[in-house]
């Protein structure tokens, strides 16, 4: 399996210069939580990248376990989880995933020149992995806790106005699906934070740090620190 993050320029992104965010290793490890009401069983597709809510990702699928996953999602009209790999590889033995990930929904599919299945997926909800198990076909399945708050209930705080300006200028330059974003979207701290995390040249570790934070305003604080 190979993957690519789709961006406005169609090319690889350089790493953002600046300090890495602290506390990543211990906080990304899977840990057992108490009983919570908002849980689900979710098949996982671990990758050496981070899928953010609202962002798109292109995938090439050839392993039997992931072909089974795609068929299952089609039958059940359901999604699957994308987690960044902490240890291991995308193909072969099940990898060790980060404890925070994003639900992916299939938007389109096709085949490439080699006859392999291709997918375009979009990130939807964040989740926290509580425990994992491996099916007989090698597919990793997780019990997850959904972590997203209701979108649109909070407004951007004044200290984050600069981030809106930065995002608007980037989107004007790169175009794409966000070029016609509404005023309401630029007032939404969730949307602004995820779009900045998507288009800025962050490392995957920096994106993972943002993904684990439940507070949209705290995410914007982290982005401000990275840009300073």
Foldseek 3Di string as FASTA:
>chain_A
DDKDFDDLVRDAFAAFDDDADPDQPVQFAAAADDDDDAKDKFWEQEDQFAAFAFGKMKDWDDQPVVVVVVVVCVVVVAWHWYFYFPADHRDDADGRGTQKTFTWGWDDWDADPVRTIMTMIHTHWMWGFNDWDADPSRIIMTIIGTQADDWLPDWDDPVLPVLLVVLLVQCCVSPDPCVPPDPSLSGTLSNSLRSCLSHHNHRRSRSVVLRVDHDSNVSSVSVVNSVD
